[in-house]
Amino acid sequence: MPVTGINATVGSLLGFLHEGPQSGWDLMVTAQERIGGFWSLTRSQVYRELATMAATGLITTDSTGARDRRAYRLTEDGRSAFTQWLSQPPGEEQIRYPLLLTLAFARHLPPERLSSFIASHRALHQSRWDGYHDQEQQARATGAGDVDLVTLDFGLRYERAVLDWFDGLGRTFSPRPHDSDDGR
């Protein structure tokens, strides 16, 4: 498979398989734990890509195990393709943040509804920060070093910045007498 045919899903799966054989289910769990905070993979994507990767020789499958699970194993072609893919400059990040889209039109929402949206999203980000913090503590306890934790560090810093931003929103979106539903 040429490098141009390797997308981020395939690259991620090849990267995870460097750690040893895994079933499709195991790969989904690994992806959710390791990159789920900043990259989404669906089960259908994973299984579709695994079939293509096997057909093109990037991986092999072991015989079916319990519950019809197949263990996928990286081939030398898979290792080479992963190295080539990883060596390519990554693209720019893409921000798709539904709350920001809502806030772009915030003047058209009742203040109590807007406050509810903000409070629920702030709680979500606090929960993520707490989870990342717990993961960091566990990883460090098992000997993980800074190089192993760079994405986790980004998650912690990102969530802290977002929480600080949320804490400042109260001043921005406090009800003002001139605000009205029609935007005047």
N, C-alpha and C. Protein backbone atom coordinates (compact mmCIF):
# COMPACT_ATOMS: atom_id res chain seq x y z
N MET A 1 0.87 -1.18 0.00
CA MET A 1 0.00 0.00 0.00
C MET A 1 0.90 1.23 0.00
N PRO A 2 0.75 2.11 -0.98
CA PRO A 2 1.58 3.31 -1.00
C PRO A 2 1.24 4.23 0.17
N VAL A 3 2.22 5.02 0.59
CA VAL A 3 2.03 5.92 1.73
C VAL A 3 0.85 6.84 1.51
N THR A 4 0.64 7.29 0.28
CA THR A 4 -0.48 8.21 0.04
C THR A 4 -1.82 7.55 0.34
N GLY A 5 -1.86 6.20 0.38
CA GLY A 5 -3.10 5.51 0.68
C GLY A 5 -3.31 5.26 2.15
N ILE A 6 -2.35 5.66 2.96
CA ILE A 6 -2.47 5.43 4.40
C ILE A 6 -3.05 6.67 5.07
N ASN A 7 -4.21 6.48 5.65
CA ASN A 7 -4.84 7.59 6.36
C ASN A 7 -4.48 7.51 7.84
N ALA A 8 -4.95 8.45 8.60
CA ALA A 8 -4.62 8.51 10.03
C ALA A 8 -5.14 7.30 10.79
N THR A 9 -6.28 6.76 10.39
CA THR A 9 -6.80 5.57 11.06
C THR A 9 -5.84 4.40 10.87
N VAL A 10 -5.44 4.16 9.62
CA VAL A 10 -4.49 3.07 9.33
C VAL A 10 -3.18 3.31 10.06
N GLY A 11 -2.66 4.54 10.00
CA GLY A 11 -1.42 4.85 10.68
C GLY A 11 -1.50 4.58 12.17
N SER A 12 -2.61 4.97 12.79
CA SER A 12 -2.80 4.74 14.22
C SER A 12 -2.83 3.25 14.55
N LEU A 13 -3.59 2.50 13.76
CA LEU A 13 -3.69 1.06 14.01
C LEU A 13 -2.34 0.37 13.84
N LEU A 14 -1.60 0.76 12.82
CA LEU A 14 -0.25 0.20 12.65
C LEU A 14 0.63 0.55 13.84
N GLY A 15 0.51 1.77 14.33
CA GLY A 15 1.29 2.18 15.49
C GLY A 15 0.96 1.35 16.72
N PHE A 16 -0.33 1.10 16.96
CA PHE A 16 -0.73 0.30 18.12
C PHE A 16 -0.27 -1.14 17.99
N LEU A 17 -0.24 -1.65 16.75
CA LEU A 17 0.17 -3.05 16.55
C LEU A 17 1.67 -3.25 16.74
N HIS A 18 2.43 -2.15 16.81
CA HIS A 18 3.85 -2.28 17.15
C HIS A 18 4.01 -2.86 18.56
N GLU A 19 3.00 -2.72 19.39
CA GLU A 19 3.07 -3.20 20.77
C GLU A 19 2.72 -4.68 20.89
N GLY A 20 2.34 -5.30 19.78
CA GLY A 20 2.01 -6.72 19.78
C GLY A 20 0.65 -6.97 19.17
N PRO A 21 0.33 -8.25 18.90
CA PRO A 21 -0.95 -8.60 18.29
C PRO A 21 -2.13 -8.14 19.15
N GLN A 22 -3.17 -7.68 18.47
CA GLN A 22 -4.38 -7.25 19.16
C GLN A 22 -5.59 -7.57 18.28
N SER A 23 -6.70 -7.81 18.90
CA SER A 23 -7.96 -8.00 18.16
C SER A 23 -8.50 -6.63 17.78
N GLY A 24 -9.49 -6.63 16.91
CA GLY A 24 -10.13 -5.36 16.56
C GLY A 24 -10.72 -4.67 17.78
N TRP A 25 -11.31 -5.47 18.66
CA TRP A 25 -11.88 -4.91 19.90
C TRP A 25 -10.78 -4.29 20.75
N ASP A 26 -9.66 -5.01 20.90
CA ASP A 26 -8.54 -4.50 21.69
C ASP A 26 -8.01 -3.20 21.10
N LEU A 27 -7.95 -3.15 19.77
CA LEU A 27 -7.47 -1.93 19.11
C LEU A 27 -8.41 -0.75 19.38
N MET A 28 -9.72 -1.02 19.38
CA MET A 28 -10.68 0.05 19.70
C MET A 28 -10.47 0.56 21.12
N VAL A 29 -10.30 -0.35 22.05
CA VAL A 29 -10.08 0.04 23.45
C VAL A 29 -8.79 0.83 23.58
N THR A 30 -7.73 0.34 22.95
CA THR A 30 -6.44 1.03 22.98
C THR A 30 -6.57 2.43 22.39
N ALA A 31 -7.23 2.54 21.25
CA ALA A 31 -7.40 3.85 20.60
C ALA A 31 -8.19 4.79 21.50
N GLN A 32 -9.25 4.30 22.10
CA GLN A 32 -10.06 5.16 22.98
C GLN A 32 -9.24 5.66 24.16
N GLU A 33 -8.46 4.75 24.75
CA GLU A 33 -7.65 5.13 25.92
C GLU A 33 -6.51 6.08 25.55
N ARG A 34 -5.85 5.81 24.44
CA ARG A 34 -4.62 6.52 24.13
C ARG A 34 -4.82 7.78 23.30
N ILE A 35 -5.77 7.76 22.36
CA ILE A 35 -5.93 8.93 21.50
C ILE A 35 -7.37 9.44 21.44
N GLY A 36 -8.26 8.80 22.18
CA GLY A 36 -9.68 9.16 22.13
C GLY A 36 -9.98 10.59 22.54
N GLY A 37 -9.10 11.18 23.34
CA GLY A 37 -9.33 12.55 23.77
C GLY A 37 -9.09 13.58 22.68
N PHE A 38 -8.39 13.18 21.62
CA PHE A 38 -8.10 14.16 20.57
C PHE A 38 -8.27 13.60 19.16
N TRP A 39 -8.62 12.33 19.03
CA TRP A 39 -8.80 11.74 17.71
C TRP A 39 -9.89 10.70 17.81
N SER A 40 -10.85 10.73 16.91
CA SER A 40 -11.95 9.78 17.01
C SER A 40 -11.82 8.69 15.95
N LEU A 41 -12.10 7.48 16.38
CA LEU A 41 -12.17 6.33 15.49
C LEU A 41 -13.47 5.60 15.82
N THR A 42 -14.18 5.20 14.79
CA THR A 42 -15.39 4.42 15.02
C THR A 42 -15.07 2.94 14.82
N ARG A 43 -15.89 2.10 15.42
CA ARG A 43 -15.69 0.66 15.28
C ARG A 43 -15.75 0.25 13.81
N SER A 44 -16.69 0.83 13.07
CA SER A 44 -16.80 0.46 11.65
C SER A 44 -15.56 0.87 10.87
N GLN A 45 -14.98 2.04 11.19
CA GLN A 45 -13.73 2.45 10.54
C GLN A 45 -12.62 1.45 10.82
N VAL A 46 -12.49 1.09 12.09
CA VAL A 46 -11.41 0.19 12.49
C VAL A 46 -11.52 -1.14 11.76
N TYR A 47 -12.69 -1.76 11.77
CA TYR A 47 -12.84 -3.07 11.13
C TYR A 47 -12.71 -2.98 9.60
N ARG A 48 -13.20 -1.90 9.02
CA ARG A 48 -13.05 -1.71 7.56
C ARG A 48 -11.57 -1.59 7.21
N GLU A 49 -10.84 -0.78 7.99
CA GLU A 49 -9.41 -0.60 7.71
C GLU A 49 -8.62 -1.86 7.99
N LEU A 50 -8.98 -2.61 9.03
CA LEU A 50 -8.27 -3.87 9.31
C LEU A 50 -8.40 -4.83 8.14
N ALA A 51 -9.59 -4.94 7.56
CA ALA A 51 -9.78 -5.82 6.40
C ALA A 51 -8.92 -5.37 5.23
N THR A 52 -8.87 -4.07 4.97
CA THR A 52 -8.05 -3.54 3.88
C THR A 52 -6.57 -3.75 4.16
N MET A 53 -6.16 -3.51 5.40
CA MET A 53 -4.76 -3.68 5.78
C MET A 53 -4.33 -5.14 5.62
N ALA A 54 -5.20 -6.08 5.96
CA ALA A 54 -4.89 -7.51 5.80
C ALA A 54 -4.80 -7.86 4.32
N ALA A 55 -5.73 -7.33 3.52
CA ALA A 55 -5.74 -7.62 2.08
C ALA A 55 -4.51 -7.06 1.36
N THR A 56 -3.94 -5.98 1.88
CA THR A 56 -2.78 -5.37 1.24
C THR A 56 -1.46 -5.82 1.86
N GLY A 57 -1.51 -6.71 2.85
CA GLY A 57 -0.30 -7.27 3.42
C GLY A 57 0.37 -6.45 4.51
N LEU A 58 -0.32 -5.43 5.03
CA LEU A 58 0.27 -4.63 6.11
C LEU A 58 0.17 -5.35 7.45
N ILE A 59 -0.82 -6.25 7.56
CA ILE A 59 -1.01 -7.04 8.77
C ILE A 59 -1.40 -8.46 8.36
N THR A 60 -1.26 -9.37 9.29
CA THR A 60 -1.77 -10.73 9.12
C THR A 60 -2.73 -10.98 10.26
N THR A 61 -3.54 -12.03 10.10
CA THR A 61 -4.47 -12.37 11.18
C THR A 61 -4.16 -13.77 11.66
N ASP A 62 -4.22 -13.93 12.97
CA ASP A 62 -4.09 -15.24 13.57
C ASP A 62 -5.45 -15.91 13.51
N SER A 63 -5.50 -17.18 13.78
CA SER A 63 -6.77 -17.89 13.76
C SER A 63 -7.73 -17.27 14.76
N THR A 64 -8.99 -17.47 14.50
CA THR A 64 -10.04 -16.90 15.33
C THR A 64 -9.95 -17.47 16.74
N GLY A 65 -10.06 -16.59 17.71
CA GLY A 65 -10.02 -17.00 19.12
C GLY A 65 -11.40 -16.93 19.72
N ALA A 66 -11.42 -16.69 21.01
CA ALA A 66 -12.68 -16.60 21.74
C ALA A 66 -13.57 -15.53 21.13
N ARG A 67 -14.87 -15.84 21.04
CA ARG A 67 -15.88 -14.90 20.52
C ARG A 67 -15.56 -14.44 19.11
N ASP A 68 -14.96 -15.29 18.32
CA ASP A 68 -14.61 -14.99 16.93
C ASP A 68 -13.64 -13.82 16.80
N ARG A 69 -12.86 -13.59 17.81
CA ARG A 69 -11.88 -12.50 17.74
C ARG A 69 -10.63 -12.99 17.03
N ARG A 70 -10.18 -12.16 16.11
CA ARG A 70 -8.94 -12.43 15.40
C ARG A 70 -7.86 -11.53 15.96
N ALA A 71 -6.70 -12.08 16.13
CA ALA A 71 -5.57 -11.26 16.55
C ALA A 71 -4.85 -10.78 15.29
N TYR A 72 -4.67 -9.49 15.18
CA TYR A 72 -3.97 -8.91 14.04
C TYR A 72 -2.53 -8.68 14.43
N ARG A 73 -1.65 -8.97 13.48
CA ARG A 73 -0.21 -8.89 13.72
C ARG A 73 0.42 -8.05 12.61
N LEU A 74 1.33 -7.19 12.98
CA LEU A 74 2.03 -6.31 12.05
C LEU A 74 3.02 -7.10 11.19
N THR A 75 3.07 -6.81 9.88
CA THR A 75 4.06 -7.42 8.99
C THR A 75 5.20 -6.43 8.78
N GLU A 76 6.26 -6.89 8.13
CA GLU A 76 7.37 -5.98 7.81
C GLU A 76 6.90 -4.87 6.87
N ASP A 77 6.02 -5.20 5.91
CA ASP A 77 5.46 -4.16 5.03
C ASP A 77 4.67 -3.15 5.86
N GLY A 78 3.96 -3.65 6.88
CA GLY A 78 3.21 -2.76 7.76
C GLY A 78 4.12 -1.85 8.55
N ARG A 79 5.23 -2.40 9.04
CA ARG A 79 6.20 -1.57 9.77
C ARG A 79 6.78 -0.50 8.87
N SER A 80 7.10 -0.89 7.66
CA SER A 80 7.68 0.06 6.70
C SER A 80 6.67 1.15 6.33
N ALA A 81 5.44 0.75 6.08
CA ALA A 81 4.40 1.72 5.73
C ALA A 81 4.15 2.68 6.89
N PHE A 82 4.14 2.15 8.12
CA PHE A 82 3.95 3.00 9.30
C PHE A 82 5.08 4.03 9.40
N THR A 83 6.32 3.58 9.23
CA THR A 83 7.46 4.48 9.32
C THR A 83 7.37 5.57 8.26
N GLN A 84 6.99 5.21 7.05
CA GLN A 84 6.83 6.21 5.98
C GLN A 84 5.70 7.17 6.30
N TRP A 85 4.58 6.65 6.77
CA TRP A 85 3.44 7.51 7.11
C TRP A 85 3.80 8.47 8.23
N LEU A 86 4.44 7.95 9.27
CA LEU A 86 4.77 8.77 10.42
C LEU A 86 5.81 9.84 10.08
N SER A 87 6.62 9.59 9.06
CA SER A 87 7.66 10.54 8.66
C SER A 87 7.10 11.72 7.85
N GLN A 88 5.86 11.62 7.42
CA GLN A 88 5.25 12.71 6.66
C GLN A 88 4.85 13.83 7.61
N PRO A 89 4.96 15.08 7.18
CA PRO A 89 4.52 16.18 8.05
C PRO A 89 3.02 16.05 8.35
N PRO A 90 2.64 16.17 9.62
CA PRO A 90 1.21 16.09 9.93
C PRO A 90 0.47 17.32 9.40
N GLY A 91 -0.78 17.14 9.07
CA GLY A 91 -1.60 18.26 8.62
C GLY A 91 -1.93 19.19 9.78
N GLU A 92 -2.55 20.30 9.45
CA GLU A 92 -2.97 21.25 10.48
C GLU A 92 -4.17 20.70 11.23
N GLU A 93 -4.29 21.12 12.50
CA GLU A 93 -5.44 20.69 13.28
C GLU A 93 -6.70 21.37 12.74
N GLN A 94 -7.81 20.73 12.99
CA GLN A 94 -9.10 21.26 12.56
C GLN A 94 -9.97 21.41 13.79
N ILE A 95 -10.42 22.61 14.03
CA ILE A 95 -11.26 22.84 15.20
C ILE A 95 -12.72 22.74 14.80
N ARG A 96 -13.42 21.83 15.41
CA ARG A 96 -14.86 21.69 15.27
C ARG A 96 -15.39 21.60 16.68
N TYR A 97 -15.83 22.71 17.19
CA TYR A 97 -16.21 22.79 18.59
C TYR A 97 -17.65 23.30 18.63
N PRO A 98 -18.62 22.41 18.76
CA PRO A 98 -20.03 22.82 18.70
C PRO A 98 -20.40 23.94 19.67
N LEU A 99 -19.83 23.95 20.87
CA LEU A 99 -20.17 25.02 21.81
C LEU A 99 -19.73 26.38 21.26
N LEU A 100 -18.56 26.44 20.63
CA LEU A 100 -18.12 27.72 20.06
C LEU A 100 -19.07 28.19 18.97
N LEU A 101 -19.58 27.26 18.18
CA LEU A 101 -20.55 27.63 17.15
C LEU A 101 -21.81 28.22 17.81
N THR A 102 -22.28 27.59 18.88
CA THR A 102 -23.43 28.12 19.61
C THR A 102 -23.12 29.50 20.18
N LEU A 103 -21.93 29.65 20.76
CA LEU A 103 -21.57 30.93 21.36
C LEU A 103 -21.45 32.05 20.33
N ALA A 104 -21.18 31.69 19.08
CA ALA A 104 -21.12 32.70 18.02
C ALA A 104 -22.48 33.38 17.85
N PHE A 105 -23.55 32.70 18.26
CA PHE A 105 -24.90 33.24 18.14
C PHE A 105 -25.56 33.37 19.51
N ALA A 106 -24.75 33.50 20.55
CA ALA A 106 -25.23 33.50 21.93
C ALA A 106 -26.27 34.58 22.21
N ARG A 107 -26.18 35.69 21.55
CA ARG A 107 -27.13 36.77 21.85
C ARG A 107 -28.57 36.40 21.55
N HIS A 108 -28.76 35.30 20.81
CA HIS A 108 -30.11 34.87 20.47
C HIS A 108 -30.67 33.82 21.43
N LEU A 109 -29.91 33.47 22.45
CA LEU A 109 -30.35 32.48 23.43
C LEU A 109 -30.76 33.16 24.74
N PRO A 110 -31.75 32.63 25.41
CA PRO A 110 -32.05 33.14 26.75
C PRO A 110 -30.85 32.89 27.66
N PRO A 111 -30.52 33.83 28.53
CA PRO A 111 -29.33 33.69 29.39
C PRO A 111 -29.30 32.41 30.21
N GLU A 112 -30.45 31.96 30.71
CA GLU A 112 -30.45 30.75 31.52
C GLU A 112 -30.12 29.51 30.68
N ARG A 113 -30.55 29.50 29.43
CA ARG A 113 -30.24 28.37 28.53
C ARG A 113 -28.74 28.38 28.21
N LEU A 114 -28.21 29.54 27.91
CA LEU A 114 -26.79 29.69 27.64
C LEU A 114 -25.97 29.26 28.86
N SER A 115 -26.37 29.69 30.04
CA SER A 115 -25.67 29.31 31.27
C SER A 115 -25.67 27.80 31.45
N SER A 116 -26.77 27.16 31.12
CA SER A 116 -26.87 25.71 31.23
C SER A 116 -25.88 25.02 30.29
N PHE A 117 -25.81 25.50 29.04
CA PHE A 117 -24.85 24.94 28.08
C PHE A 117 -23.42 25.08 28.60
N ILE A 118 -23.10 26.27 29.07
CA ILE A 118 -21.75 26.55 29.54
C ILE A 118 -21.42 25.68 30.76
N ALA A 119 -22.34 25.57 31.68
CA ALA A 119 -22.10 24.77 32.89
C ALA A 119 -21.89 23.29 32.55
N SER A 120 -22.68 22.76 31.64
CA SER A 120 -22.52 21.34 31.31
C SER A 120 -21.20 21.09 30.58
N HIS A 121 -20.81 22.01 29.71
CA HIS A 121 -19.54 21.84 29.01
C HIS A 121 -18.35 22.04 29.95
N ARG A 122 -18.48 22.95 30.88
CA ARG A 122 -17.39 23.13 31.85
C ARG A 122 -17.22 21.87 32.68
N ALA A 123 -18.33 21.26 33.10
CA ALA A 123 -18.27 20.02 33.88
C ALA A 123 -17.62 18.90 33.07
N LEU A 124 -17.92 18.84 31.79
CA LEU A 124 -17.30 17.84 30.92
C LEU A 124 -15.79 18.02 30.87
N HIS A 125 -15.34 19.25 30.71
CA HIS A 125 -13.90 19.52 30.64
C HIS A 125 -13.22 19.28 31.99
N GLN A 126 -13.92 19.56 33.09
CA GLN A 126 -13.35 19.26 34.40
C GLN A 126 -13.18 17.75 34.56
N SER A 127 -14.16 17.00 34.10
CA SER A 127 -14.10 15.55 34.17
C SER A 127 -12.94 15.01 33.33
N ARG A 128 -12.75 15.57 32.14
CA ARG A 128 -11.63 15.16 31.29
C ARG A 128 -10.30 15.47 31.97
N TRP A 129 -10.18 16.68 32.55
CA TRP A 129 -8.94 17.04 33.23
C TRP A 129 -8.67 16.05 34.37
N ASP A 130 -9.70 15.75 35.15
CA ASP A 130 -9.55 14.81 36.25
C ASP A 130 -9.08 13.44 35.74
N GLY A 131 -9.68 12.98 34.64
CA GLY A 131 -9.29 11.70 34.06
C GLY A 131 -7.86 11.69 33.57
N TYR A 132 -7.46 12.76 32.87
CA TYR A 132 -6.07 12.85 32.40
C TYR A 132 -5.10 12.88 33.58
N HIS A 133 -5.48 13.60 34.62
CA HIS A 133 -4.62 13.69 35.80
C HIS A 133 -4.43 12.29 36.42
N ASP A 134 -5.53 11.54 36.53
CA ASP A 134 -5.45 10.18 37.06
C ASP A 134 -4.57 9.29 36.17
N GLN A 135 -4.74 9.40 34.86
CA GLN A 135 -3.93 8.62 33.93
C GLN A 135 -2.45 8.96 34.08
N GLU A 136 -2.16 10.24 34.24
CA GLU A 136 -0.77 10.65 34.40
C GLU A 136 -0.17 10.05 35.66
N GLN A 137 -0.91 10.10 36.76
CA GLN A 137 -0.42 9.54 38.02
C GLN A 137 -0.15 8.04 37.89
N GLN A 138 -1.08 7.33 37.25
CA GLN A 138 -0.91 5.89 37.05
C GLN A 138 0.28 5.59 36.15
N ALA A 139 0.43 6.36 35.07
CA ALA A 139 1.53 6.13 34.13
C ALA A 139 2.88 6.39 34.80
N ARG A 140 2.96 7.45 35.56
CA ARG A 140 4.22 7.76 36.25
C ARG A 140 4.54 6.68 37.29
N ALA A 141 3.52 6.14 37.93
CA ALA A 141 3.74 5.10 38.92
C ALA A 141 4.29 3.82 38.29
N THR A 142 4.02 3.63 36.99
CA THR A 142 4.53 2.45 36.30
C THR A 142 5.82 2.74 35.54
N GLY A 143 6.38 3.93 35.74
CA GLY A 143 7.69 4.24 35.16
C GLY A 143 7.66 5.01 33.86
N ALA A 144 6.52 5.49 33.43
CA ALA A 144 6.46 6.26 32.19
C ALA A 144 7.22 7.57 32.36
N GLY A 145 7.96 7.95 31.33
CA GLY A 145 8.71 9.19 31.37
C GLY A 145 8.01 10.28 30.58
N ASP A 146 8.59 11.46 30.59
CA ASP A 146 7.99 12.61 29.91
C ASP A 146 7.72 12.34 28.43
N VAL A 147 8.64 11.64 27.75
CA VAL A 147 8.46 11.37 26.32
C VAL A 147 7.24 10.47 26.08
N ASP A 148 6.91 9.63 27.05
CA ASP A 148 5.75 8.75 26.94
C ASP A 148 4.44 9.49 27.20
N LEU A 149 4.53 10.66 27.80
CA LEU A 149 3.34 11.36 28.27
C LEU A 149 3.06 12.67 27.55
N VAL A 150 3.69 12.90 26.40
CA VAL A 150 3.52 14.21 25.75
C VAL A 150 2.08 14.48 25.33
N THR A 151 1.37 13.47 24.83
CA THR A 151 -0.02 13.73 24.44
C THR A 151 -0.89 13.92 25.67
N LEU A 152 -0.60 13.19 26.73
CA LEU A 152 -1.33 13.36 27.97
C LEU A 152 -1.07 14.74 28.57
N ASP A 153 0.17 15.19 28.49
CA ASP A 153 0.52 16.53 28.95
C ASP A 153 -0.25 17.59 28.16
N PHE A 154 -0.34 17.39 26.84
CA PHE A 154 -1.13 18.32 26.02
C PHE A 154 -2.58 18.34 26.50
N GLY A 155 -3.15 17.15 26.74
CA GLY A 155 -4.53 17.07 27.20
C GLY A 155 -4.74 17.81 28.51
N LEU A 156 -3.82 17.64 29.45
CA LEU A 156 -3.91 18.34 30.73
C LEU A 156 -3.83 19.86 30.53
N ARG A 157 -2.88 20.31 29.75
CA ARG A 157 -2.71 21.75 29.51
C ARG A 157 -3.90 22.33 28.75
N TYR A 158 -4.38 21.58 27.76
CA TYR A 158 -5.54 22.02 26.98
C TYR A 158 -6.75 22.17 27.89
N GLU A 159 -7.03 21.14 28.67
CA GLU A 159 -8.21 21.19 29.54
C GLU A 159 -8.07 22.30 30.58
N ARG A 160 -6.87 22.54 31.10
CA ARG A 160 -6.67 23.63 32.06
C ARG A 160 -6.97 24.96 31.38
N ALA A 161 -6.48 25.14 30.16
CA ALA A 161 -6.74 26.39 29.43
C ALA A 161 -8.24 26.57 29.17
N VAL A 162 -8.91 25.50 28.78
CA VAL A 162 -10.35 25.58 28.53
C VAL A 162 -11.10 25.90 29.82
N LEU A 163 -10.71 25.27 30.91
CA LEU A 163 -11.37 25.55 32.20
C LEU A 163 -11.15 27.00 32.61
N ASP A 164 -9.95 27.53 32.40
CA ASP A 164 -9.70 28.95 32.69
C ASP A 164 -10.58 29.84 31.81
N TRP A 165 -10.72 29.45 30.55
CA TRP A 165 -11.56 30.21 29.62
C TRP A 165 -13.01 30.20 30.10
N PHE A 166 -13.50 29.02 30.49
CA PHE A 166 -14.87 28.93 31.01
C PHE A 166 -15.04 29.83 32.22
N ASP A 167 -14.05 29.84 33.09
CA ASP A 167 -14.15 30.65 34.31
C ASP A 167 -14.26 32.14 33.98
N GLY A 168 -13.76 32.57 32.84
CA GLY A 168 -13.87 33.97 32.44
C GLY A 168 -15.15 34.30 31.68
N LEU A 169 -15.90 33.28 31.27
CA LEU A 169 -17.11 33.53 30.48
C LEU A 169 -18.21 34.21 31.27
N GLY A 170 -18.24 34.06 32.57
CA GLY A 170 -19.29 34.69 33.37
C GLY A 170 -19.36 36.19 33.16
N ARG A 171 -18.21 36.83 33.02
CA ARG A 171 -18.18 38.28 32.79
C ARG A 171 -18.69 38.62 31.39
N THR A 172 -18.38 37.79 30.42
CA THR A 172 -18.76 38.05 29.04
C THR A 172 -20.25 37.87 28.80
N PHE A 173 -20.83 36.83 29.39
CA PHE A 173 -22.22 36.50 29.10
C PHE A 173 -23.18 36.82 30.23
N SER A 174 -22.79 37.75 31.10
CA SER A 174 -23.75 38.18 32.12
C SER A 174 -24.83 38.99 31.41
N PRO A 175 -26.07 38.86 31.85
CA PRO A 175 -27.16 39.58 31.18
C PRO A 175 -26.92 41.09 31.15
N ARG A 176 -27.17 41.67 30.00
CA ARG A 176 -27.03 43.12 29.83
C ARG A 176 -28.37 43.68 29.36
N PRO A 177 -28.73 44.84 29.82
CA PRO A 177 -30.05 45.39 29.49
C PRO A 177 -30.27 45.59 27.99
N HIS A 178 -29.20 45.85 27.22
CA HIS A 178 -29.41 46.13 25.80
C HIS A 178 -29.52 44.86 24.95
N ASP A 179 -29.23 43.69 25.51
CA ASP A 179 -29.35 42.45 24.74
C ASP A 179 -30.82 42.15 24.52
N SER A 180 -31.12 41.65 23.33
CA SER A 180 -32.49 41.24 23.04
C SER A 180 -32.44 40.04 22.11
N ASP A 181 -33.55 39.35 22.00
CA ASP A 181 -33.62 38.15 21.21
C ASP A 181 -33.39 38.41 19.72
N ASP A 182 -33.70 39.59 19.24
CA ASP A 182 -33.53 39.85 17.81
C ASP A 182 -32.15 40.39 17.46
N GLY A 183 -31.24 40.45 18.42
CA GLY A 183 -29.85 40.82 18.15
C GLY A 183 -29.60 42.30 18.07
N ARG A 184 -30.57 43.15 18.38
CA ARG A 184 -30.36 44.59 18.29
C ARG A 184 -29.57 45.11 19.43
